[in-house]
Amino acid sequence: MWNLPNILTLLRIVLIPVFVVIFYLDSSWAAYAAAAVFGAAALTDWLDGYLARKWEQTSPFGAFLDPVADKLMVAVALVVLLQADPRILIALPVMVIIGREITVSALREWMAEIGARAAVAVSTLGKVKTTAQMLSIVILILRESVFGPWTYGLGIVLLYIAALLTLWSMVLYLMSAWPSLSGRVTAVTERKLK
């Protein structure tokens, strides 16, 4: 259980309050430091999965903790960004992204209970969506610190792209789970098909 991939996942959770504290510091370097902490946490998301597969250190604990860490990190960052800029322009994609995460998590849990978890496995689209989310969040944390006002606009555009990808991937998850949700495929039938 205490292998490097799992430790990196736990580190991502530990970095969440560190990120929040730094984000609210009244300092000229706070935005840079908060973006660096969030960026480091986002990199551990990629690195822990890569190392777990490469070193064959996948575990049930890691499979459970990794998506929890991802969702916590993104949700906290989005809420903090919305609090810093409480406009409908930011609220809409934040609502979509957090709502989707709750919906898909509930769907995966329910599908696992009926023995059909594989029908809602993580897709390539989900990984693209995650990348767009992480990049947009880093840019929005920096606000206008780096290249001027247009940078924040780019972050908002990327956040909307992430929200659209989020909706698209949720629809794909729901479509793949629809036979079970509609009652057309039972857990017993699915076991026979495997």
N, C-alpha and C. Protein backbone atom coordinates (compact mmCIF):
# COMPACT_ATOMS: atom_id res chain seq x y z
N MET A 1 0.82 -1.20 0.00
CA MET A 1 0.00 0.00 0.00
C MET A 1 0.86 1.26 0.00
N TRP A 2 1.97 1.26 0.71
CA TRP A 2 2.80 2.46 0.81
C TRP A 2 3.90 2.47 -0.23
N ASN A 3 3.50 2.39 -1.50
CA ASN A 3 4.47 2.50 -2.58
C ASN A 3 4.50 3.95 -3.06
N LEU A 4 5.46 4.27 -3.94
CA LEU A 4 5.63 5.66 -4.38
C LEU A 4 4.40 6.22 -5.09
N PRO A 5 3.74 5.47 -5.99
CA PRO A 5 2.54 6.04 -6.62
C PRO A 5 1.47 6.44 -5.60
N ASN A 6 1.24 5.61 -4.59
CA ASN A 6 0.23 5.95 -3.57
C ASN A 6 0.67 7.13 -2.71
N ILE A 7 1.97 7.20 -2.43
CA ILE A 7 2.49 8.34 -1.66
C ILE A 7 2.30 9.64 -2.45
N LEU A 8 2.54 9.59 -3.76
CA LEU A 8 2.33 10.77 -4.60
C LEU A 8 0.85 11.19 -4.60
N THR A 9 -0.04 10.21 -4.62
CA THR A 9 -1.47 10.51 -4.57
C THR A 9 -1.83 11.18 -3.24
N LEU A 10 -1.31 10.65 -2.15
CA LEU A 10 -1.55 11.26 -0.83
C LEU A 10 -0.96 12.67 -0.77
N LEU A 11 0.20 12.85 -1.39
CA LEU A 11 0.82 14.17 -1.43
C LEU A 11 -0.09 15.17 -2.12
N ARG A 12 -0.78 14.72 -3.15
CA ARG A 12 -1.71 15.60 -3.86
C ARG A 12 -2.81 16.10 -2.92
N ILE A 13 -3.29 15.24 -2.05
CA ILE A 13 -4.32 15.63 -1.09
C ILE A 13 -3.74 16.60 -0.06
N VAL A 14 -2.52 16.33 0.41
CA VAL A 14 -1.86 17.19 1.39
C VAL A 14 -1.62 18.59 0.81
N LEU A 15 -1.36 18.66 -0.48
CA LEU A 15 -1.08 19.95 -1.12
C LEU A 15 -2.33 20.84 -1.25
N ILE A 16 -3.52 20.28 -1.09
CA ILE A 16 -4.74 21.07 -1.26
C ILE A 16 -4.82 22.21 -0.24
N PRO A 17 -4.70 21.94 1.08
CA PRO A 17 -4.74 23.08 2.01
C PRO A 17 -3.55 24.02 1.86
N VAL A 18 -2.41 23.49 1.45
CA VAL A 18 -1.23 24.34 1.20
C VAL A 18 -1.55 25.32 0.08
N PHE A 19 -2.15 24.81 -0.99
CA PHE A 19 -2.56 25.66 -2.11
C PHE A 19 -3.52 26.77 -1.66
N VAL A 20 -4.53 26.40 -0.86
CA VAL A 20 -5.54 27.37 -0.42
C VAL A 20 -4.90 28.47 0.43
N VAL A 21 -4.05 28.09 1.36
CA VAL A 21 -3.38 29.08 2.23
C VAL A 21 -2.55 30.04 1.39
N ILE A 22 -1.76 29.50 0.47
CA ILE A 22 -0.90 30.35 -0.37
C ILE A 22 -1.74 31.26 -1.26
N PHE A 23 -2.84 30.72 -1.80
CA PHE A 23 -3.71 31.50 -2.70
C PHE A 23 -4.20 32.78 -2.01
N TYR A 24 -4.49 32.69 -0.71
CA TYR A 24 -5.06 33.83 0.01
C TYR A 24 -4.01 34.71 0.68
N LEU A 25 -2.75 34.41 0.50
CA LEU A 25 -1.72 35.28 1.08
C LEU A 25 -1.73 36.63 0.37
N ASP A 26 -1.52 37.67 1.13
CA ASP A 26 -1.49 39.02 0.57
C ASP A 26 -0.04 39.35 0.19
N SER A 27 0.37 38.80 -0.94
CA SER A 27 1.75 38.97 -1.38
C SER A 27 1.81 38.98 -2.90
N SER A 28 2.79 39.65 -3.44
CA SER A 28 2.94 39.75 -4.90
C SER A 28 3.32 38.40 -5.52
N TRP A 29 3.91 37.51 -4.71
CA TRP A 29 4.33 36.21 -5.25
C TRP A 29 3.32 35.10 -5.00
N ALA A 30 2.21 35.42 -4.31
CA ALA A 30 1.24 34.38 -3.93
C ALA A 30 0.64 33.66 -5.14
N ALA A 31 0.30 34.41 -6.19
CA ALA A 31 -0.30 33.78 -7.37
C ALA A 31 0.67 32.80 -8.02
N TYR A 32 1.95 33.20 -8.11
CA TYR A 32 2.95 32.31 -8.71
C TYR A 32 3.13 31.04 -7.87
N ALA A 33 3.20 31.23 -6.54
CA ALA A 33 3.40 30.09 -5.65
C ALA A 33 2.18 29.16 -5.66
N ALA A 34 0.98 29.75 -5.64
CA ALA A 34 -0.24 28.93 -5.68
C ALA A 34 -0.33 28.15 -6.99
N ALA A 35 0.01 28.81 -8.11
CA ALA A 35 0.00 28.13 -9.40
C ALA A 35 1.04 27.01 -9.43
N ALA A 36 2.20 27.25 -8.82
CA ALA A 36 3.25 26.22 -8.78
C ALA A 36 2.80 25.03 -7.95
N VAL A 37 2.16 25.28 -6.81
CA VAL A 37 1.68 24.18 -5.95
C VAL A 37 0.60 23.39 -6.69
N PHE A 38 -0.34 24.09 -7.31
CA PHE A 38 -1.40 23.39 -8.04
C PHE A 38 -0.80 22.62 -9.22
N GLY A 39 0.14 23.24 -9.93
CA GLY A 39 0.79 22.57 -11.05
C GLY A 39 1.54 21.32 -10.62
N ALA A 40 2.24 21.40 -9.48
CA ALA A 40 2.95 20.23 -8.95
C ALA A 40 1.97 19.12 -8.60
N ALA A 41 0.85 19.50 -7.99
CA ALA A 41 -0.18 18.51 -7.65
C ALA A 41 -0.74 17.86 -8.92
N ALA A 42 -0.97 18.67 -9.95
CA ALA A 42 -1.49 18.15 -11.21
C ALA A 42 -0.49 17.19 -11.85
N LEU A 43 0.80 17.51 -11.76
CA LEU A 43 1.82 16.61 -12.31
C LEU A 43 1.85 15.27 -11.58
N THR A 44 1.62 15.28 -10.26
CA THR A 44 1.59 14.01 -9.54
C THR A 44 0.43 13.14 -10.00
N ASP A 45 -0.63 13.78 -10.51
CA ASP A 45 -1.77 13.03 -11.04
C ASP A 45 -1.32 12.16 -12.21
N TRP A 46 -0.53 12.73 -13.10
CA TRP A 46 0.00 11.96 -14.23
C TRP A 46 1.06 10.98 -13.76
N LEU A 47 1.96 11.45 -12.89
CA LEU A 47 3.12 10.65 -12.50
C LEU A 47 2.74 9.42 -11.69
N ASP A 48 1.79 9.54 -10.77
CA ASP A 48 1.46 8.37 -9.95
C ASP A 48 0.87 7.23 -10.79
N GLY A 49 0.02 7.58 -11.75
CA GLY A 49 -0.55 6.55 -12.64
C GLY A 49 0.50 5.92 -13.53
N TYR A 50 1.39 6.77 -14.06
CA TYR A 50 2.46 6.26 -14.93
C TYR A 50 3.37 5.29 -14.17
N LEU A 51 3.79 5.70 -12.97
CA LEU A 51 4.68 4.85 -12.17
C LEU A 51 3.99 3.56 -11.72
N ALA A 52 2.73 3.66 -11.34
CA ALA A 52 1.99 2.47 -10.91
C ALA A 52 1.92 1.43 -12.02
N ARG A 53 1.69 1.90 -13.25
CA ARG A 53 1.64 0.95 -14.39
C ARG A 53 3.03 0.44 -14.73
N LYS A 54 4.01 1.34 -14.78
CA LYS A 54 5.37 0.95 -15.18
C LYS A 54 5.99 -0.03 -14.19
N TRP A 55 5.80 0.23 -12.90
CA TRP A 55 6.40 -0.62 -11.86
C TRP A 55 5.46 -1.72 -11.38
N GLU A 56 4.29 -1.81 -12.04
CA GLU A 56 3.29 -2.81 -11.67
C GLU A 56 2.94 -2.73 -10.19
N GLN A 57 2.67 -1.50 -9.75
CA GLN A 57 2.33 -1.25 -8.35
C GLN A 57 0.90 -0.73 -8.21
N THR A 58 0.05 -1.14 -9.14
CA THR A 58 -1.36 -0.76 -9.00
C THR A 58 -1.94 -1.50 -7.80
N SER A 59 -2.87 -0.84 -7.12
CA SER A 59 -3.47 -1.45 -5.93
C SER A 59 -4.90 -0.96 -5.79
N PRO A 60 -5.74 -1.72 -5.07
CA PRO A 60 -7.10 -1.24 -4.83
C PRO A 60 -7.12 0.11 -4.10
N PHE A 61 -6.19 0.29 -3.15
CA PHE A 61 -6.11 1.55 -2.42
C PHE A 61 -5.81 2.71 -3.37
N GLY A 62 -4.84 2.50 -4.26
CA GLY A 62 -4.48 3.53 -5.24
C GLY A 62 -5.61 3.81 -6.21
N ALA A 63 -6.30 2.74 -6.65
CA ALA A 63 -7.42 2.90 -7.58
C ALA A 63 -8.56 3.71 -6.95
N PHE A 64 -8.74 3.55 -5.63
CA PHE A 64 -9.75 4.32 -4.92
C PHE A 64 -9.30 5.76 -4.69
N LEU A 65 -8.06 5.92 -4.22
CA LEU A 65 -7.58 7.23 -3.77
C LEU A 65 -7.30 8.19 -4.92
N ASP A 66 -6.83 7.70 -6.04
CA ASP A 66 -6.44 8.58 -7.15
C ASP A 66 -7.59 9.46 -7.64
N PRO A 67 -8.76 8.89 -7.98
CA PRO A 67 -9.83 9.78 -8.43
C PRO A 67 -10.35 10.70 -7.32
N VAL A 68 -10.29 10.24 -6.07
CA VAL A 68 -10.71 11.09 -4.95
C VAL A 68 -9.80 12.32 -4.87
N ALA A 69 -8.49 12.09 -4.95
CA ALA A 69 -7.52 13.18 -4.89
C ALA A 69 -7.73 14.16 -6.05
N ASP A 70 -7.97 13.63 -7.24
CA ASP A 70 -8.19 14.49 -8.42
C ASP A 70 -9.41 15.38 -8.22
N LYS A 71 -10.51 14.77 -7.80
CA LYS A 71 -11.75 15.51 -7.67
C LYS A 71 -11.67 16.55 -6.55
N LEU A 72 -11.04 16.20 -5.45
CA LEU A 72 -10.86 17.16 -4.36
C LEU A 72 -10.03 18.35 -4.82
N MET A 73 -8.92 18.05 -5.49
CA MET A 73 -8.01 19.10 -5.93
C MET A 73 -8.71 20.06 -6.89
N VAL A 74 -9.40 19.53 -7.88
CA VAL A 74 -10.06 20.37 -8.88
C VAL A 74 -11.22 21.14 -8.26
N ALA A 75 -12.05 20.47 -7.46
CA ALA A 75 -13.21 21.14 -6.86
C ALA A 75 -12.78 22.29 -5.95
N VAL A 76 -11.77 22.05 -5.12
CA VAL A 76 -11.30 23.11 -4.21
C VAL A 76 -10.74 24.29 -5.02
N ALA A 77 -9.94 24.00 -6.02
CA ALA A 77 -9.37 25.08 -6.85
C ALA A 77 -10.47 25.88 -7.54
N LEU A 78 -11.47 25.20 -8.08
CA LEU A 78 -12.56 25.90 -8.77
C LEU A 78 -13.37 26.76 -7.81
N VAL A 79 -13.64 26.26 -6.62
CA VAL A 79 -14.40 27.04 -5.63
C VAL A 79 -13.61 28.28 -5.21
N VAL A 80 -12.31 28.12 -5.01
CA VAL A 80 -11.45 29.26 -4.63
C VAL A 80 -11.42 30.30 -5.75
N LEU A 81 -11.31 29.83 -7.00
CA LEU A 81 -11.29 30.75 -8.13
C LEU A 81 -12.62 31.47 -8.28
N LEU A 82 -13.72 30.76 -8.05
CA LEU A 82 -15.04 31.39 -8.13
C LEU A 82 -15.22 32.42 -7.03
N GLN A 83 -14.71 32.13 -5.85
CA GLN A 83 -14.79 33.10 -4.75
C GLN A 83 -13.98 34.35 -5.08
N ALA A 84 -12.86 34.17 -5.77
CA ALA A 84 -12.01 35.31 -6.14
C ALA A 84 -12.62 36.14 -7.27
N ASP A 85 -13.44 35.50 -8.12
CA ASP A 85 -14.07 36.18 -9.25
C ASP A 85 -15.52 35.69 -9.37
N PRO A 86 -16.41 36.19 -8.48
CA PRO A 86 -17.77 35.64 -8.40
C PRO A 86 -18.72 36.16 -9.48
N ARG A 87 -18.38 35.86 -10.72
CA ARG A 87 -19.24 36.25 -11.84
C ARG A 87 -19.90 35.01 -12.42
N ILE A 88 -21.04 35.21 -13.09
CA ILE A 88 -21.73 34.10 -13.74
C ILE A 88 -20.84 33.45 -14.79
N LEU A 89 -19.97 34.25 -15.39
CA LEU A 89 -19.02 33.77 -16.40
C LEU A 89 -18.15 32.64 -15.85
N ILE A 90 -17.78 32.72 -14.59
CA ILE A 90 -16.96 31.68 -13.94
C ILE A 90 -17.87 30.63 -13.30
N ALA A 91 -19.00 31.07 -12.75
CA ALA A 91 -19.89 30.15 -12.03
C ALA A 91 -20.43 29.04 -12.92
N LEU A 92 -20.77 29.35 -14.18
CA LEU A 92 -21.36 28.34 -15.06
C LEU A 92 -20.44 27.15 -15.31
N PRO A 93 -19.19 27.36 -15.78
CA PRO A 93 -18.34 26.19 -15.99
C PRO A 93 -17.97 25.47 -14.69
N VAL A 94 -17.84 26.23 -13.60
CA VAL A 94 -17.54 25.60 -12.31
C VAL A 94 -18.69 24.67 -11.91
N MET A 95 -19.93 25.15 -12.07
CA MET A 95 -21.10 24.35 -11.76
C MET A 95 -21.15 23.09 -12.62
N VAL A 96 -20.86 23.23 -13.91
CA VAL A 96 -20.89 22.08 -14.82
C VAL A 96 -19.83 21.06 -14.43
N ILE A 97 -18.61 21.52 -14.18
CA ILE A 97 -17.51 20.60 -13.90
C ILE A 97 -17.73 19.87 -12.58
N ILE A 98 -18.09 20.59 -11.52
CA ILE A 98 -18.30 19.94 -10.23
C ILE A 98 -19.54 19.04 -10.28
N GLY A 99 -20.59 19.50 -10.94
CA GLY A 99 -21.80 18.67 -11.09
C GLY A 99 -21.52 17.39 -11.85
N ARG A 100 -20.72 17.48 -12.87
CA ARG A 100 -20.36 16.28 -13.65
C ARG A 100 -19.58 15.30 -12.80
N GLU A 101 -18.64 15.80 -12.02
CA GLU A 101 -17.82 14.91 -11.19
C GLU A 101 -18.69 14.15 -10.19
N ILE A 102 -19.66 14.85 -9.60
CA ILE A 102 -20.57 14.18 -8.66
C ILE A 102 -21.41 13.13 -9.38
N THR A 103 -21.94 13.49 -10.55
CA THR A 103 -22.78 12.58 -11.32
C THR A 103 -22.03 11.32 -11.74
N VAL A 104 -20.83 11.50 -12.31
CA VAL A 104 -20.07 10.35 -12.79
C VAL A 104 -19.58 9.49 -11.63
N SER A 105 -19.20 10.11 -10.51
CA SER A 105 -18.79 9.33 -9.34
C SER A 105 -19.94 8.47 -8.84
N ALA A 106 -21.13 9.05 -8.76
CA ALA A 106 -22.30 8.29 -8.32
C ALA A 106 -22.61 7.17 -9.31
N LEU A 107 -22.48 7.46 -10.60
CA LEU A 107 -22.73 6.45 -11.63
C LEU A 107 -21.75 5.29 -11.51
N ARG A 108 -20.47 5.61 -11.34
CA ARG A 108 -19.47 4.55 -11.20
C ARG A 108 -19.73 3.69 -9.96
N GLU A 109 -20.10 4.36 -8.86
CA GLU A 109 -20.38 3.61 -7.62
C GLU A 109 -21.57 2.67 -7.83
N TRP A 110 -22.62 3.18 -8.45
CA TRP A 110 -23.81 2.35 -8.68
C TRP A 110 -23.50 1.20 -9.63
N MET A 111 -22.74 1.49 -10.71
CA MET A 111 -22.39 0.45 -11.67
C MET A 111 -21.52 -0.63 -11.01
N ALA A 112 -20.64 -0.22 -10.11
CA ALA A 112 -19.81 -1.19 -9.39
C ALA A 112 -20.68 -2.09 -8.52
N GLU A 113 -21.71 -1.52 -7.91
CA GLU A 113 -22.60 -2.30 -7.04
C GLU A 113 -23.34 -3.38 -7.81
N ILE A 114 -23.66 -3.11 -9.08
CA ILE A 114 -24.39 -4.12 -9.86
C ILE A 114 -23.45 -4.96 -10.72
N GLY A 115 -22.13 -4.80 -10.51
CA GLY A 115 -21.15 -5.62 -11.21
C GLY A 115 -20.87 -5.20 -12.63
N ALA A 116 -21.08 -3.95 -12.95
CA ALA A 116 -20.87 -3.47 -14.33
C ALA A 116 -19.92 -2.29 -14.36
N ARG A 117 -18.95 -2.26 -13.47
CA ARG A 117 -18.02 -1.12 -13.34
C ARG A 117 -17.25 -0.84 -14.63
N ALA A 118 -16.92 -1.89 -15.40
CA ALA A 118 -16.11 -1.71 -16.61
C ALA A 118 -16.83 -0.86 -17.65
N ALA A 119 -18.15 -0.80 -17.58
CA ALA A 119 -18.92 -0.03 -18.56
C ALA A 119 -18.67 1.47 -18.43
N VAL A 120 -18.17 1.92 -17.27
CA VAL A 120 -17.92 3.35 -17.06
C VAL A 120 -16.46 3.58 -16.67
N ALA A 121 -15.55 2.89 -17.32
CA ALA A 121 -14.14 3.07 -17.06
C ALA A 121 -13.66 4.41 -17.61
N VAL A 122 -12.54 4.89 -17.10
CA VAL A 122 -11.98 6.17 -17.54
C VAL A 122 -11.63 6.09 -19.02
N SER A 123 -12.01 7.11 -19.77
CA SER A 123 -11.77 7.12 -21.21
C SER A 123 -10.65 8.10 -21.55
N THR A 124 -10.20 8.03 -22.81
CA THR A 124 -9.20 8.98 -23.30
C THR A 124 -9.75 10.40 -23.27
N LEU A 125 -11.03 10.55 -23.60
CA LEU A 125 -11.66 11.87 -23.55
C LEU A 125 -11.58 12.45 -22.14
N GLY A 126 -11.76 11.60 -21.13
CA GLY A 126 -11.65 12.04 -19.75
C GLY A 126 -10.27 12.59 -19.44
N LYS A 127 -9.25 11.99 -20.03
CA LYS A 127 -7.88 12.45 -19.80
C LYS A 127 -7.64 13.80 -20.49
N VAL A 128 -8.19 13.97 -21.68
CA VAL A 128 -8.08 15.26 -22.39
C VAL A 128 -8.80 16.34 -21.60
N LYS A 129 -9.98 16.00 -21.09
CA LYS A 129 -10.76 16.92 -20.27
C LYS A 129 -9.98 17.34 -19.04
N THR A 130 -9.34 16.39 -18.39
CA THR A 130 -8.55 16.68 -17.19
C THR A 130 -7.40 17.62 -17.52
N THR A 131 -6.73 17.39 -18.63
CA THR A 131 -5.62 18.25 -19.04
C THR A 131 -6.10 19.69 -19.27
N ALA A 132 -7.22 19.84 -19.98
CA ALA A 132 -7.77 21.18 -20.23
C ALA A 132 -8.15 21.86 -18.91
N GLN A 133 -8.74 21.10 -17.99
CA GLN A 133 -9.10 21.65 -16.68
C GLN A 133 -7.88 22.16 -15.93
N MET A 134 -6.85 21.30 -15.85
CA MET A 134 -5.65 21.66 -15.08
C MET A 134 -4.98 22.89 -15.67
N LEU A 135 -4.86 22.94 -16.98
CA LEU A 135 -4.21 24.08 -17.63
C LEU A 135 -5.01 25.36 -17.40
N SER A 136 -6.33 25.28 -17.54
CA SER A 136 -7.16 26.47 -17.33
C SER A 136 -7.06 26.96 -15.90
N ILE A 137 -7.04 26.03 -14.95
CA ILE A 137 -6.97 26.43 -13.54
C ILE A 137 -5.65 27.12 -13.24
N VAL A 138 -4.54 26.59 -13.75
CA VAL A 138 -3.24 27.23 -13.52
C VAL A 138 -3.24 28.65 -14.08
N ILE A 139 -3.77 28.82 -15.29
CA ILE A 139 -3.81 30.16 -15.91
C ILE A 139 -4.70 31.10 -15.10
N LEU A 140 -5.84 30.60 -14.63
CA LEU A 140 -6.74 31.45 -13.85
C LEU A 140 -6.16 31.81 -12.49
N ILE A 141 -5.37 30.92 -11.91
CA ILE A 141 -4.70 31.24 -10.64
C ILE A 141 -3.73 32.40 -10.84
N LEU A 142 -3.02 32.37 -11.96
CA LEU A 142 -2.04 33.41 -12.25
C LEU A 142 -2.70 34.75 -12.58
N ARG A 143 -3.97 34.71 -13.00
CA ARG A 143 -4.73 35.90 -13.40
C ARG A 143 -3.96 36.67 -14.48
N GLU A 144 -3.54 37.90 -14.19
CA GLU A 144 -2.85 38.71 -15.20
C GLU A 144 -1.37 38.84 -14.86
N SER A 145 -0.89 37.94 -14.02
CA SER A 145 0.47 38.08 -13.49
C SER A 145 1.56 37.92 -14.54
N VAL A 146 1.32 37.14 -15.58
CA VAL A 146 2.41 36.79 -16.49
C VAL A 146 2.42 37.65 -17.74
N PHE A 147 1.41 37.49 -18.59
CA PHE A 147 1.43 38.16 -19.90
C PHE A 147 0.39 39.25 -20.07
N GLY A 148 -0.31 39.61 -19.01
CA GLY A 148 -1.30 40.67 -19.10
C GLY A 148 -2.73 40.16 -19.09
N PRO A 149 -3.71 41.09 -19.31
CA PRO A 149 -5.13 40.76 -19.17
C PRO A 149 -5.61 39.63 -20.08
N TRP A 150 -5.02 39.49 -21.28
CA TRP A 150 -5.51 38.46 -22.20
C TRP A 150 -5.27 37.06 -21.66
N THR A 151 -4.30 36.91 -20.74
CA THR A 151 -4.01 35.60 -20.17
C THR A 151 -5.22 35.07 -19.40
N TYR A 152 -5.85 35.93 -18.62
CA TYR A 152 -7.02 35.52 -17.85
C TYR A 152 -8.16 35.12 -18.79
N GLY A 153 -8.31 35.87 -19.88
CA GLY A 153 -9.32 35.53 -20.88
C GLY A 153 -9.07 34.15 -21.48
N LEU A 154 -7.80 33.85 -21.75
CA LEU A 154 -7.44 32.53 -22.27
C LEU A 154 -7.82 31.45 -21.26
N GLY A 155 -7.56 31.71 -19.98
CA GLY A 155 -7.93 30.75 -18.93
C GLY A 155 -9.42 30.49 -18.90
N ILE A 156 -10.23 31.53 -19.09
CA ILE A 156 -11.69 31.37 -19.11
C ILE A 156 -12.12 30.55 -20.32
N VAL A 157 -11.52 30.84 -21.49
CA VAL A 157 -11.84 30.07 -22.70
C VAL A 157 -11.51 28.59 -22.48
N LEU A 158 -10.34 28.31 -21.91
CA LEU A 158 -9.95 26.92 -21.64
C LEU A 158 -10.88 26.27 -20.62
N LEU A 159 -11.35 27.05 -19.65
CA LEU A 159 -12.29 26.52 -18.66
C LEU A 159 -13.60 26.11 -19.33
N TYR A 160 -14.06 26.92 -20.29
CA TYR A 160 -15.28 26.56 -21.01
C TYR A 160 -15.06 25.35 -21.90
N ILE A 161 -13.88 25.24 -22.51
CA ILE A 161 -13.56 24.04 -23.30
C ILE A 161 -13.58 22.82 -22.39
N ALA A 162 -12.98 22.95 -21.20
CA ALA A 162 -12.98 21.84 -20.23
C ALA A 162 -14.41 21.49 -19.83
N ALA A 163 -15.25 22.50 -19.63
CA ALA A 163 -16.65 22.25 -19.24
C ALA A 163 -17.40 21.51 -20.35
N LEU A 164 -17.17 21.90 -21.62
CA LEU A 164 -17.81 21.22 -22.74
C LEU A 164 -17.34 19.77 -22.85
N LEU A 165 -16.02 19.56 -22.71
CA LEU A 165 -15.48 18.19 -22.73
C LEU A 165 -16.04 17.38 -21.56
N THR A 166 -16.24 18.06 -20.43
CA THR A 166 -16.80 17.43 -19.25
C THR A 166 -18.22 16.93 -19.53
N LEU A 167 -19.04 17.79 -20.14
CA LEU A 167 -20.40 17.39 -20.48
C LEU A 167 -20.40 16.25 -21.49
N TRP A 168 -19.54 16.35 -22.49
CA TRP A 168 -19.46 15.33 -23.53
C TRP A 168 -19.08 13.98 -22.92
N SER A 169 -18.04 13.98 -22.07
CA SER A 169 -17.62 12.72 -21.47
C SER A 169 -18.70 12.15 -20.55
N MET A 170 -19.45 13.03 -19.86
CA MET A 170 -20.54 12.55 -19.01
C MET A 170 -21.63 11.89 -19.85
N VAL A 171 -21.96 12.49 -20.98
CA VAL A 171 -22.97 11.90 -21.87
C VAL A 171 -22.50 10.52 -22.35
N LEU A 172 -21.20 10.41 -22.70
CA LEU A 172 -20.67 9.11 -23.14
C LEU A 172 -20.75 8.07 -22.02
N TYR A 173 -20.42 8.48 -20.78
CA TYR A 173 -20.54 7.57 -19.64
C TYR A 173 -21.99 7.11 -19.46
N LEU A 174 -22.92 8.07 -19.53
CA LEU A 174 -24.33 7.74 -19.34
C LEU A 174 -24.84 6.83 -20.45
N MET A 175 -24.38 7.07 -21.69
CA MET A 175 -24.79 6.22 -22.80
C MET A 175 -24.28 4.79 -22.62
N SER A 176 -23.02 4.65 -22.16
CA SER A 176 -22.48 3.30 -21.98
C SER A 176 -23.16 2.58 -20.81
N ALA A 177 -23.64 3.35 -19.85
CA ALA A 177 -24.31 2.75 -18.69
C ALA A 177 -25.81 2.61 -18.90
N TRP A 178 -26.35 3.19 -19.98
CA TRP A 178 -27.79 3.24 -20.16
C TRP A 178 -28.47 1.86 -20.14
N PRO A 179 -27.90 0.83 -20.77
CA PRO A 179 -28.57 -0.48 -20.69
C PRO A 179 -28.81 -0.93 -19.25
N SER A 180 -27.85 -0.68 -18.38
CA SER A 180 -28.03 -1.05 -16.97
C SER A 180 -28.98 -0.09 -16.26
N LEU A 181 -28.87 1.22 -16.57
CA LEU A 181 -29.75 2.20 -15.93
C LEU A 181 -31.21 2.00 -16.31
N SER A 182 -31.43 1.60 -17.56
CA SER A 182 -32.81 1.42 -18.04
C SER A 182 -33.39 0.07 -17.66
N GLY A 183 -32.54 -0.81 -17.09
CA GLY A 183 -33.02 -2.12 -16.67
C GLY A 183 -33.01 -3.16 -17.77
N ARG A 184 -32.46 -2.80 -18.94
CA ARG A 184 -32.43 -3.77 -20.05
C ARG A 184 -31.35 -4.82 -19.87
N VAL A 185 -30.31 -4.47 -19.13
CA VAL A 185 -29.23 -5.43 -18.88
C VAL A 185 -29.10 -5.58 -17.37
N THR A 186 -29.19 -6.78 -16.89
CA THR A 186 -29.03 -7.04 -15.46
C THR A 186 -27.61 -7.46 -15.18
N ALA A 187 -27.22 -7.42 -13.92
CA ALA A 187 -25.88 -7.83 -13.54
C ALA A 187 -25.64 -9.28 -13.94
N VAL A 188 -26.67 -10.14 -13.81
CA VAL A 188 -26.52 -11.55 -14.15
C VAL A 188 -26.27 -11.70 -15.64
N THR A 189 -27.03 -10.95 -16.46
CA THR A 189 -26.83 -10.99 -17.90
C THR A 189 -25.44 -10.55 -18.27
N GLU A 190 -24.96 -9.46 -17.63
CA GLU A 190 -23.62 -8.96 -17.93
C GLU A 190 -22.56 -9.97 -17.58
N ARG A 191 -22.73 -10.68 -16.47
CA ARG A 191 -21.74 -11.70 -16.09
C ARG A 191 -21.71 -12.82 -17.13
N LYS A 192 -22.87 -13.17 -17.68
CA LYS A 192 -22.92 -14.22 -18.69
C LYS A 192 -22.24 -13.78 -19.97
N LEU A 193 -22.33 -12.47 -20.27
CA LEU A 193 -21.73 -11.95 -21.49
C LEU A 193 -20.21 -11.90 -21.42
N LYS A 194 -19.66 -11.86 -20.21
CA LYS A 194 -18.21 -11.72 -20.06
C LYS A 194 -17.50 -13.05 -20.27
